[in-house]
Structures are given as C-alpha cells and as structure tokens.
Amino acid sequence: MSELPCTSVQNTVVSTSAFLTEEEEEDDNAPRICGVCGDRATGYHFNAMTCEGCKGFFRRSMKRSASFTCPFDGRCSITKDNRRHCQSCRLKRCKDIGMMKELIMTEEELQRKKEMIMKRKMEDSCKEKCRPQMSEEQEQLIATLIEAHHKTYDSSYSDFGQFRPPVRKDEFDSSDDCSMPEAPTDCSFGSSTPGESSMNSGNLGLLASFENFGQSASNMTSPFSMLPHLSDLVSYSIQKVIGFAKSIPGFRELNTEDQIVLLKSSVIEIIMLRSNESFSSEDNSWVCGSEEFKYSISDVTQAGHNMELLEPLVKFQIGLKKLNLHEAEHVLLMAICIFSPDRPSLLERERVEAIQERLSETLRAYIVCNHPPPSSHLLYPKMVQKLADLRSLNEEHSKQYLEISREAGDPSDLTPLLLEVFGSPLS
C-alpha cells in the first residue's frame, strides 16, 4: 500500500458535527456527500451523512468490535476509490464525523423494524384496494356533463350586451333626460332554426330572435323598469339550460312529451343553481361581468318580484356557496334536478327515475373518492336538501310570475319564450 499523507484535502471533508450548513438545508437539490469518503450520500446513518458503503462498514466494524491498525500512523486520506485500503483510518473518519455505535440496532430491533415496514406496506396495499373507486362509465358521465356545462354557460357573460338594456329607477329618477333606450330589433340568443321555435315541436321554443320589443315611456315610472332586461336574461338562460339538458346521456331517448315536462318544471331551478357561479356572498348580488350587469336585490324587485321570493333565494345562494361544491358535483346536481321522476304529467316515470338514480350514484361515488373531509361530511344529504329548497323557490316564482304577467303595463316586456315556458296570464 502506498503512503497517502494527510493533506489539505482532508480539510474539505464534512466537520465532525455532520450537520448540513444552512445553505445546504435551503437547497434540496444540492448533492449530498458522504462525510467519510466523499461518495454520494444516501442520508443520515447513525447520526452522520454517509453513503451506503460507509454505513455498512461502520455497522459491521462495531458489531465485531474490530480493531484495525494503520501502517501509516493514521495519516491516510479516505476517498471513494481508496476507502477499502485502510480500515483503521476509515473507521476513525466515521467516528470523527459523529457516527455513533449506540444508534446501531440489535438483530431483534432490526427484525421488529422489518416487520413494521412489512405491516405498513400491507396496510397501505389493503387501503388502496379497498379505497372506493369510480367506474369508467361514471368518470365519462362527469366529463360529458362538464363539457356540456362549459358549452352552455359563458362565464364572460359577453352575450348580455344583446339584451334590452337594464333600466334602474335610481338612474332615470336623477336624470334630466327621461327618454328610454330603444330596444334592439334583433336579439338572437343561440343557433336555433325556424323549425325549433315552438315548445310543442319538442324543442322547447329555441327562438331564433326576439323582435318588436317596444318599450313605452310609461315604463320610466313603472315598478317594472328592469323587467324587459331580466326577461331577456331569463329567456337566454332558458335556451342555455335546454342545450345542457339535451347533452345529458338519456335525455334525448325520452319521449318528447316527457322532455318538455322535465324542462318546463325544472328550468327555473337550474337557472337558480347556475346563477350561484356569479353570486357574491359579500353583498348578496349577482356579478355578471361589468358593473352594468351586476344585479342587486333591488334590481330584481324592479322586475316585479318581492321579498317572499328574494329572501329565501338569497339564503339558498349563500348556503349553496358554503358547500364549496366541485364543478363535477355542481353539474351532477343540475342533472339530478332535471331528472326528477315526481314532476307532474310524466309518462315514463320509471325510466326517468332510473336515470336520476344513475346520476345520484355517480355523485355519491365522486364525493367519497374526490371530496376530502371534513367538507364532505353529510355533503350528499345537504345537496339533496338544496333540491327540496329549489322546489319551494320554484313554486313561489311561479306565483309571482303570474302576478307580474298580469300587472305588467306592456305585454312585450315579457318574451314569447317566457310566456311559453311559464304560461300566459290568459291561459
């Protein structure tokens, strides 16, 4: 063996404390170096940062109580390439950087550790096997619903500029110019064809345009100043809900009469559910893009509705917001709402119920697999309760709508689609 005198190289070895410097602690990507030989370290072993080779060498030496002698008076420099040449200097370096015999486990301790590791692996494997998983069909169903929602809900609200403009009392009361903006002669809200303009055609009145929406000057002092604008908004929303419903697997397979029944009876509930995306709990308003299309409770009262509807509606929106639903849960809730087998006049209730049950099972599976506690606690029954709340809101809306349609000064304030879906005061 050639002599390897101690040089300044030894000074580059990690100090006896064997602790990382602050700089190294901050840089997780920095290479870890064995404090004994300079090889790549695998972690802390027996209180020092070492490679696997020096770790095993120290354990074996301590267990055998080995005694080594250096032929060069303990002056060898230990490196990755020569660490086997002098066991004495290598062991001395192990001790110098802080490796401790007391931290070496006995055979019994090693065996217990191996058993614990094996037990943990088995438990993890069992958890993975037993963990609820969604079927491929359920995942595809959710993907379809989310895609349909994205296609039929524009979160930029860019189409709102096509509606008759909102007229708020506080705006024209303080204005010297009492003239009303002219209603647009063409308000196209979708890609409907002429053959789809009637509810009885099976397509729920996908109107191509709203024409001749005259607005008399008397509206400036009318309690329904916001009615034309909100009528256009609701009509637009109805068409979007129809598009969403048609994309739900199973909807198109129903007979035409049942499609119409389900949509007519659920459309306002779906609009209320969808509006939660724009609802702000900070000031109880619906923020749809620009300030012009930010709707307060006062705006809705200027369309003829009163607090018997608006108070529970705001409470519903706040409660739904607090559930922090995932997008998948939101679209499933809308689909479940549409496929309600207890709607009046349904012809194939069992078929509708089967589709709703498939949607409900998918929702329950999603919550278990993807919505972590504690927010998932009782989430499904809370969502079902929201459907019950919507029924009450729907009933109150229907009652107030009929009153508004009777009292509105200008019949053209209400769109043909609203009259078709919610009924005419004369019908």
Protein backbone atom coordinates (compact mmCIF):
# COMPACT_ATOMS: atom_id res chain seq x y z
CA MET A 1 0.00 0.00 0.00
CA SER A 2 1.39 3.38 -0.96
CA GLU A 3 1.56 6.12 1.58
CA LEU A 4 -1.30 8.62 1.43
CA PRO A 5 -0.21 11.55 3.58
CA CYS A 6 -2.77 13.78 5.21
CA THR A 7 -3.09 16.94 3.13
CA SER A 8 -5.41 19.88 2.86
CA VAL A 9 -7.81 17.55 1.08
CA GLN A 10 -8.84 16.24 4.48
CA ASN A 11 -9.96 19.70 5.44
CA THR A 12 -12.63 19.58 2.77
CA VAL A 13 -14.38 16.67 4.48
CA VAL A 14 -17.52 17.47 6.43
CA SER A 15 -16.84 18.57 10.00
CA THR A 16 -17.41 16.29 12.95
CA SER A 17 -20.83 17.79 13.60
CA ALA A 18 -22.04 16.14 10.35
CA PHE A 19 -24.87 18.60 10.14
CA LEU A 20 -25.75 20.37 6.92
CA THR A 21 -24.97 24.05 6.71
CA GLU A 22 -27.88 26.49 6.42
CA GLU A 23 -27.07 26.90 2.74
CA GLU A 24 -27.34 23.15 2.14
CA GLU A 25 -30.55 22.90 4.13
CA GLU A 26 -32.18 25.50 1.92
CA ASP A 27 -31.06 23.83 -1.31
CA ASP A 28 -32.83 20.49 -1.52
CA ASN A 29 -31.34 19.83 -4.95
CA ALA A 30 -27.72 20.16 -3.80
CA PRO A 31 -25.77 16.84 -3.99
CA ARG A 32 -25.26 15.08 -0.66
CA ILE A 33 -21.69 13.98 0.02
CA CYS A 34 -20.58 11.18 2.32
CA GLY A 35 -18.64 12.64 5.24
CA VAL A 36 -16.31 9.65 5.27
CA CYS A 37 -15.22 9.04 1.67
CA GLY A 38 -16.82 11.79 -0.43
CA ASP A 39 -19.10 9.41 -2.37
CA ARG A 40 -22.77 10.29 -2.97
CA ALA A 41 -24.58 10.05 0.37
CA THR A 42 -28.00 8.41 0.78
CA GLY A 43 -28.96 10.13 4.02
CA TYR A 44 -28.18 10.27 7.73
CA HIS A 45 -26.92 6.95 9.12
CA PHE A 46 -26.04 6.59 12.80
CA ASN A 47 -26.07 10.40 13.19
CA ALA A 48 -23.99 11.31 10.12
CA MET A 49 -24.45 11.89 6.40
CA THR A 50 -22.87 8.88 4.66
CA CYS A 51 -23.06 6.61 1.66
CA GLU A 52 -24.41 3.05 1.90
CA GLY A 53 -20.87 1.61 1.80
CA CYS A 54 -19.58 3.53 4.83
CA LYS A 55 -22.85 2.91 6.64
CA GLY A 56 -22.40 -0.87 6.27
CA PHE A 57 -18.70 -0.69 7.09
CA PHE A 58 -19.38 1.15 10.37
CA ARG A 59 -22.14 -1.27 11.40
CA ARG A 60 -20.02 -4.36 10.72
CA SER A 61 -16.99 -2.92 12.48
CA MET A 62 -18.95 -2.00 15.60
CA LYS A 63 -20.75 -5.33 15.81
CA ARG A 64 -17.47 -7.26 15.57
CA SER A 65 -15.68 -4.83 17.87
CA ALA A 66 -12.98 -4.89 15.22
CA SER A 67 -9.55 -3.46 15.91
CA PHE A 68 -7.64 -2.08 12.90
CA THR A 69 -4.08 -0.79 12.58
CA CYS A 70 -2.93 1.82 10.09
CA PRO A 71 0.61 1.22 8.69
CA PHE A 72 1.00 4.97 8.16
CA ASP A 73 0.27 6.17 11.70
CA GLY A 74 -3.35 7.18 10.92
CA ARG A 75 -2.44 9.68 8.21
CA CYS A 76 -4.45 8.19 5.31
CA SER A 77 -6.84 10.37 3.30
CA ILE A 78 -10.04 8.37 2.70
CA THR A 79 -11.66 8.71 -0.72
CA LYS A 80 -14.27 6.85 -2.71
CA ASP A 81 -11.55 4.99 -4.63
CA ASN A 82 -9.24 4.01 -1.72
CA ARG A 83 -11.69 3.62 1.18
CA ARG A 84 -11.04 -0.15 1.30
CA HIS A 85 -7.28 0.28 1.60
CA CYS A 86 -7.13 1.39 5.24
CA GLN A 87 -9.93 0.22 7.52
CA SER A 88 -8.35 1.91 10.55
CA CYS A 89 -8.43 5.42 9.05
CA ARG A 90 -11.84 4.79 7.57
CA LEU A 91 -13.28 3.82 10.95
CA LYS A 92 -11.57 6.79 12.57
CA ARG A 93 -13.19 9.08 9.98
CA CYS A 94 -16.60 7.53 10.75
CA LYS A 95 -16.22 8.43 14.41
CA ASP A 96 -14.81 11.86 13.63
CA ILE A 97 -17.91 12.91 11.70
CA GLY A 98 -20.20 11.80 14.53
CA MET A 99 -21.28 8.23 13.74
CA MET A 100 -22.44 6.60 17.00
CA LYS A 101 -22.32 2.95 17.98
CA GLU A 102 -25.32 3.45 20.27
CA LEU A 103 -27.58 4.08 17.29
CA ILE A 104 -26.91 0.67 15.73
CA MET A 105 -29.96 -1.53 16.20
CA THR A 106 -29.73 -5.05 17.55
CA GLU A 107 -30.87 -8.03 15.48
CA GLU A 108 -34.15 -8.07 17.41
CA GLU A 109 -34.70 -4.38 16.76
CA LEU A 110 -33.91 -4.84 13.07
CA GLN A 111 -36.40 -7.68 12.85
CA ARG A 112 -39.12 -5.62 14.53
CA LYS A 113 -38.42 -2.75 12.16
CA LYS A 114 -38.69 -5.05 9.14
CA GLU A 115 -41.96 -6.44 10.45
CA MET A 116 -43.36 -2.93 10.99
CA ILE A 117 -42.34 -1.90 7.47
CA MET A 118 -43.96 -5.01 6.03
CA LYS A 119 -47.11 -4.45 8.06
CA ARG A 120 -47.33 -0.84 6.90
CA LYS A 121 -46.91 -1.89 3.28
CA MET A 122 -49.68 -4.46 3.64
CA GLU A 123 -51.98 -1.90 5.25
CA ASP A 124 -51.27 0.63 2.50
CA SER A 125 -51.89 -2.03 -0.13
CA CYS A 126 -55.17 -3.01 1.53
CA LYS A 127 -56.26 0.63 1.75
CA GLU A 128 -55.51 1.10 -1.92
CA LYS A 129 -57.50 -2.00 -2.86
CA CYS A 130 -60.39 -1.13 -0.55
CA ARG A 131 -60.49 2.56 -1.45
CA PRO A 132 -63.71 3.37 -3.31
CA GLN A 133 -63.11 3.98 -6.97
CA MET A 134 -65.28 5.43 -9.67
CA SER A 135 -66.13 3.32 -12.67
CA GLU A 136 -65.00 4.34 -16.13
CA GLU A 137 -68.65 4.92 -17.04
CA GLN A 138 -69.11 7.32 -14.11
CA GLU A 139 -65.97 9.26 -14.97
CA GLN A 140 -67.14 9.57 -18.58
CA LEU A 141 -70.56 10.75 -17.43
CA ILE A 142 -68.99 13.54 -15.37
CA ALA A 143 -66.73 14.53 -18.26
CA THR A 144 -69.76 14.75 -20.55
CA LEU A 145 -71.70 16.92 -18.09
CA ILE A 146 -68.79 19.29 -17.50
CA GLU A 147 -68.25 19.69 -21.22
CA ALA A 148 -71.96 20.39 -21.73
CA HIS A 149 -71.91 22.98 -18.95
CA HIS A 150 -68.91 24.76 -20.47
CA LYS A 151 -70.62 24.89 -23.86
CA THR A 152 -73.85 26.32 -22.44
CA TYR A 153 -72.59 28.66 -19.71
CA ASP A 154 -70.46 31.62 -20.76
CA SER A 155 -68.69 32.86 -17.63
CA SER A 156 -67.65 36.03 -19.50
CA TYR A 157 -71.34 36.99 -19.88
CA SER A 158 -70.45 38.54 -23.25
CA ASP A 159 -73.96 37.96 -24.64
CA PHE A 160 -75.61 40.18 -22.03
CA GLY A 161 -75.00 43.21 -24.26
CA GLN A 162 -77.61 41.80 -26.68
CA PHE A 163 -80.41 42.17 -24.13
CA ARG A 164 -82.61 45.20 -23.79
CA PRO A 165 -80.54 47.46 -21.52
CA PRO A 166 -81.12 47.42 -17.75
CA VAL A 167 -83.11 50.46 -16.57
CA ARG A 168 -82.78 51.09 -12.85
CA LYS A 169 -85.10 53.54 -11.13
CA ASP A 170 -82.30 55.35 -9.36
CA GLU A 171 -80.70 56.02 -12.76
CA PHE A 172 -83.59 57.70 -14.55
CA ASP A 173 -85.04 59.34 -11.42
CA SER A 174 -81.91 61.52 -11.21
CA SER A 175 -81.63 62.08 -14.96
CA ASP A 176 -82.92 65.17 -16.80
CA ASP A 177 -83.35 63.10 -19.93
CA CYS A 178 -86.24 60.72 -19.32
CA SER A 179 -86.10 59.03 -22.70
CA MET A 180 -85.66 55.30 -22.68
CA PRO A 181 -83.09 53.48 -24.85
CA GLU A 182 -84.64 51.79 -27.86
CA ALA A 183 -84.98 48.02 -27.64
CA PRO A 184 -82.85 46.07 -30.11
CA THR A 185 -84.84 44.75 -33.05
CA ASP A 186 -82.83 41.53 -33.18
CA CYS A 187 -81.76 39.71 -30.03
CA SER A 188 -80.55 36.32 -31.17
CA PHE A 189 -79.60 34.06 -28.31
CA GLY A 190 -78.46 30.82 -29.89
CA SER A 191 -78.30 28.82 -33.06
CA SER A 192 -81.95 27.84 -33.29
CA THR A 193 -83.59 27.10 -36.59
CA PRO A 194 -87.10 28.22 -37.59
CA GLY A 195 -88.39 24.71 -37.06
CA GLU A 196 -87.39 24.86 -33.42
CA SER A 197 -89.39 27.90 -32.40
CA SER A 198 -92.28 26.15 -30.68
CA MET A 199 -92.41 24.29 -27.39
CA ASN A 200 -94.82 21.82 -28.95
CA SER A 201 -92.27 20.91 -31.61
CA GLY A 202 -90.35 19.08 -28.88
CA ASN A 203 -87.54 21.59 -28.66
CA LEU A 204 -88.96 23.92 -26.03
CA GLY A 205 -89.03 27.07 -28.05
CA LEU A 206 -85.43 27.63 -29.11
CA LEU A 207 -86.29 31.02 -30.59
CA ALA A 208 -84.12 32.47 -33.33
CA SER A 209 -84.79 36.06 -32.35
CA PHE A 210 -86.86 38.42 -30.23
CA GLU A 211 -88.45 41.15 -32.37
CA ASN A 212 -90.51 44.27 -31.85
CA PHE A 213 -89.78 44.68 -28.18
CA GLY A 214 -91.26 48.18 -27.89
CA GLN A 215 -90.81 49.96 -24.63
CA SER A 216 -93.25 52.72 -23.78
CA ALA A 217 -92.28 55.88 -21.95
CA SER A 218 -94.67 54.91 -19.17
CA ASN A 219 -92.12 52.27 -18.09
CA MET A 220 -89.97 55.07 -16.70
CA THR A 221 -92.28 55.37 -13.74
CA SER A 222 -93.34 51.74 -13.74
CA PRO A 223 -92.38 49.37 -10.91
CA PHE A 224 -91.24 47.01 -13.70
CA SER A 225 -88.40 49.08 -15.12
CA MET A 226 -85.98 46.12 -15.02
CA LEU A 227 -88.48 43.61 -16.37
CA PRO A 228 -87.55 43.85 -20.08
CA HIS A 229 -83.86 43.32 -19.40
CA LEU A 230 -84.35 40.49 -16.91
CA SER A 231 -86.92 38.87 -19.21
CA ASP A 232 -84.29 38.76 -21.95
CA LEU A 233 -81.75 37.39 -19.46
CA VAL A 234 -84.07 34.61 -18.28
CA SER A 235 -85.07 33.75 -21.86
CA TYR A 236 -81.41 33.49 -22.80
CA SER A 237 -80.75 31.31 -19.74
CA ILE A 238 -83.67 29.02 -20.62
CA GLN A 239 -82.18 28.30 -24.02
CA LYS A 240 -78.80 27.51 -22.44
CA VAL A 241 -80.43 25.13 -19.94
CA ILE A 242 -82.17 23.37 -22.82
CA GLY A 243 -78.80 22.88 -24.51
CA PHE A 244 -77.34 21.49 -21.30
CA ALA A 245 -80.26 19.09 -20.78
CA LYS A 246 -80.00 17.71 -24.30
CA SER A 247 -76.38 16.74 -23.64
CA ILE A 248 -77.21 14.64 -20.59
CA PRO A 249 -77.00 10.93 -21.53
CA GLY A 250 -80.51 9.51 -21.68
CA PHE A 251 -82.40 12.78 -22.13
CA ARG A 252 -82.85 12.56 -25.89
CA GLU A 253 -84.04 8.95 -25.56
CA LEU A 254 -87.07 10.07 -23.56
CA ASN A 255 -90.31 10.72 -25.42
CA THR A 256 -90.87 14.32 -26.49
CA GLU A 257 -93.68 14.93 -24.00
CA ASP A 258 -91.53 13.92 -21.05
CA GLN A 259 -88.62 16.07 -22.27
CA ILE A 260 -90.92 19.08 -22.31
CA VAL A 261 -92.37 18.27 -18.88
CA LEU A 262 -88.92 17.89 -17.29
CA LEU A 263 -87.60 21.11 -18.80
CA LYS A 264 -90.65 23.24 -18.09
CA SER A 265 -90.80 22.14 -14.48
CA SER A 266 -87.07 22.38 -13.73
CA VAL A 267 -85.73 25.22 -15.86
CA ILE A 268 -86.06 27.99 -13.24
CA GLU A 269 -84.45 25.69 -10.65
CA ILE A 270 -81.48 25.08 -12.96
CA ILE A 271 -81.16 28.82 -13.62
CA MET A 272 -81.05 29.40 -9.86
CA LEU A 273 -78.39 26.71 -9.48
CA ARG A 274 -76.32 28.13 -12.33
CA SER A 275 -76.58 31.67 -11.01
CA ASN A 276 -74.64 30.58 -7.94
CA GLU A 277 -71.48 30.86 -10.04
CA SER A 278 -71.99 34.61 -10.32
CA PHE A 279 -73.41 35.12 -6.81
CA SER A 280 -71.34 37.15 -4.37
CA SER A 281 -71.96 36.49 -0.67
CA GLU A 282 -70.19 39.74 0.21
CA ASP A 283 -73.06 41.97 -0.90
CA ASN A 284 -75.71 39.41 -1.96
CA SER A 285 -75.52 40.33 -5.62
CA TRP A 286 -75.03 38.52 -8.92
CA VAL A 287 -71.92 39.80 -10.69
CA CYS A 288 -72.10 39.05 -14.40
CA GLY A 289 -69.06 40.76 -15.84
CA SER A 290 -69.24 44.56 -15.95
CA GLU A 291 -70.82 46.85 -13.36
CA GLU A 292 -73.79 47.32 -15.71
CA PHE A 293 -74.64 43.65 -15.29
CA LYS A 294 -74.24 43.44 -11.54
CA TYR A 295 -77.69 42.65 -10.14
CA SER A 296 -78.80 43.53 -6.63
CA ILE A 297 -81.96 42.51 -4.81
CA SER A 298 -83.32 45.96 -5.65
CA ASP A 299 -82.87 45.26 -9.37
CA VAL A 300 -84.97 42.12 -9.13
CA THR A 301 -87.70 43.91 -7.19
CA GLN A 302 -87.82 46.41 -10.09
CA ALA A 303 -88.79 43.46 -12.27
CA GLY A 304 -91.84 42.87 -10.05
CA HIS A 305 -90.61 40.19 -7.64
CA ASN A 306 -90.92 40.67 -3.89
CA MET A 307 -89.07 39.52 -0.79
CA GLU A 308 -91.19 36.40 -0.35
CA LEU A 309 -89.11 35.00 -3.21
CA LEU A 310 -85.91 37.02 -2.87
CA GLU A 311 -85.23 36.44 0.83
CA PRO A 312 -85.25 32.61 0.59
CA LEU A 313 -83.44 32.83 -2.79
CA VAL A 314 -80.54 34.77 -1.28
CA LYS A 315 -80.47 32.39 1.69
CA PHE A 316 -80.34 29.48 -0.77
CA GLN A 317 -77.48 31.05 -2.73
CA ILE A 318 -75.44 31.71 0.42
CA GLY A 319 -75.99 28.15 1.66
CA LEU A 320 -75.07 26.63 -1.69
CA LYS A 321 -71.92 28.75 -1.86
CA LYS A 322 -70.85 27.48 1.57
CA LEU A 323 -70.91 23.88 0.35
CA ASN A 324 -67.87 24.67 -1.85
CA LEU A 325 -69.01 22.20 -4.48
CA HIS A 326 -66.57 20.92 -7.05
CA GLU A 327 -67.54 21.55 -10.65
CA ALA A 328 -68.37 17.85 -11.05
CA GLU A 329 -70.72 17.99 -8.07
CA HIS A 330 -72.36 21.14 -9.39
CA VAL A 331 -73.15 19.71 -12.82
CA LEU A 332 -74.35 16.42 -11.35
CA LEU A 333 -76.70 18.30 -9.03
CA MET A 334 -78.17 20.15 -12.02
CA ALA A 335 -78.63 16.92 -13.95
CA ILE A 336 -80.27 15.22 -10.95
CA CYS A 337 -82.61 18.20 -10.63
CA ILE A 338 -83.72 17.88 -14.25
CA PHE A 339 -84.41 14.14 -13.98
CA SER A 340 -86.95 14.35 -11.15
CA PRO A 341 -89.43 11.48 -11.50
CA ASP A 342 -92.06 13.22 -9.35
CA ARG A 343 -92.73 16.03 -11.84
CA PRO A 344 -96.44 16.18 -12.75
CA SER A 345 -97.67 14.66 -16.03
CA LEU A 346 -94.64 12.43 -16.69
CA LEU A 347 -95.45 9.40 -18.82
CA GLU A 348 -92.36 7.24 -18.15
CA ARG A 349 -91.58 7.87 -14.50
CA GLU A 350 -89.61 4.65 -14.01
CA ARG A 351 -87.30 5.49 -16.88
CA VAL A 352 -86.67 8.99 -15.53
CA GLU A 353 -86.12 7.57 -12.04
CA ALA A 354 -83.54 5.09 -13.36
CA ILE A 355 -81.55 7.89 -15.00
CA GLN A 356 -81.72 10.00 -11.85
CA GLU A 357 -80.53 7.07 -9.73
CA ARG A 358 -77.53 6.56 -12.02
CA LEU A 359 -76.68 10.25 -11.64
CA SER A 360 -77.11 10.07 -7.86
CA GLU A 361 -74.85 7.02 -7.58
CA THR A 362 -72.21 8.86 -9.58
CA LEU A 363 -72.48 11.88 -7.28
CA ARG A 364 -72.14 9.73 -4.14
CA ALA A 365 -69.13 7.92 -5.62
CA TYR A 366 -67.49 11.20 -6.60
CA ILE A 367 -67.90 12.66 -3.11
CA VAL A 368 -66.36 9.57 -1.48
CA CYS A 369 -63.44 9.43 -3.92
CA ASN A 370 -62.65 13.08 -4.51
CA HIS A 371 -64.08 15.33 -1.80
CA PRO A 372 -61.91 15.05 1.32
CA PRO A 373 -63.32 15.52 4.82
CA PRO A 374 -64.36 17.48 6.75
CA SER A 375 -66.19 19.38 3.99
CA SER A 376 -67.56 16.09 2.61
CA HIS A 377 -69.33 15.32 5.90
CA LEU A 378 -73.04 14.89 5.10
CA LEU A 379 -72.43 16.63 1.77
CA TYR A 380 -74.74 14.40 -0.24
CA PRO A 381 -77.80 14.87 2.05
CA LYS A 382 -77.08 18.61 2.16
CA MET A 383 -77.16 18.69 -1.64
CA VAL A 384 -80.43 16.75 -1.68
CA GLN A 385 -81.86 19.32 0.72
CA LYS A 386 -80.93 22.04 -1.77
CA LEU A 387 -83.15 20.31 -4.32
CA ALA A 388 -86.03 20.49 -1.84
CA ASP A 389 -85.33 24.19 -1.29
CA LEU A 390 -85.44 24.74 -5.04
CA ARG A 391 -88.93 23.25 -5.21
CA SER A 392 -90.20 25.87 -2.78
CA LEU A 393 -88.44 28.64 -4.68
CA ASN A 394 -89.92 27.33 -7.94
CA GLU A 395 -93.44 27.42 -6.54
CA GLU A 396 -93.03 30.98 -5.26
CA HIS A 397 -91.50 32.09 -8.56
CA SER A 398 -94.45 30.65 -10.50
CA LYS A 399 -96.91 32.51 -8.28
CA GLN A 400 -95.07 35.82 -8.58
CA TYR A 401 -94.51 35.41 -12.31
CA LEU A 402 -98.27 35.11 -12.94
CA GLU A 403 -98.87 38.26 -10.89
CA ILE A 404 -96.18 40.12 -12.83
CA SER A 405 -97.52 38.95 -16.19
CA ARG A 406 -100.99 40.26 -15.25
CA GLU A 407 -99.80 43.60 -13.89
CA ALA A 408 -97.03 44.49 -16.34
CA GLY A 409 -98.06 47.57 -18.27
CA ASP A 410 -96.52 46.49 -21.55
CA PRO A 411 -97.11 42.87 -22.66
CA SER A 412 -93.92 42.99 -24.72
CA ASP A 413 -91.89 43.29 -21.51
CA LEU A 414 -92.25 39.52 -21.31
CA THR A 415 -90.73 37.49 -24.12
CA PRO A 416 -92.66 34.85 -26.10
CA LEU A 417 -90.39 32.18 -24.66
CA LEU A 418 -91.23 33.18 -21.07
CA LEU A 419 -94.92 33.07 -21.88
CA GLU A 420 -94.46 29.65 -23.46
CA VAL A 421 -92.47 28.15 -20.59
CA PHE A 422 -94.11 29.76 -17.56
CA GLY A 423 -97.54 30.39 -19.00
CA SER A 424 -99.65 33.36 -20.03
CA PRO A 425 -101.97 35.13 -17.59
CA LEU A 426 -104.76 34.44 -20.08
CA SER A 427 -104.08 30.71 -20.31
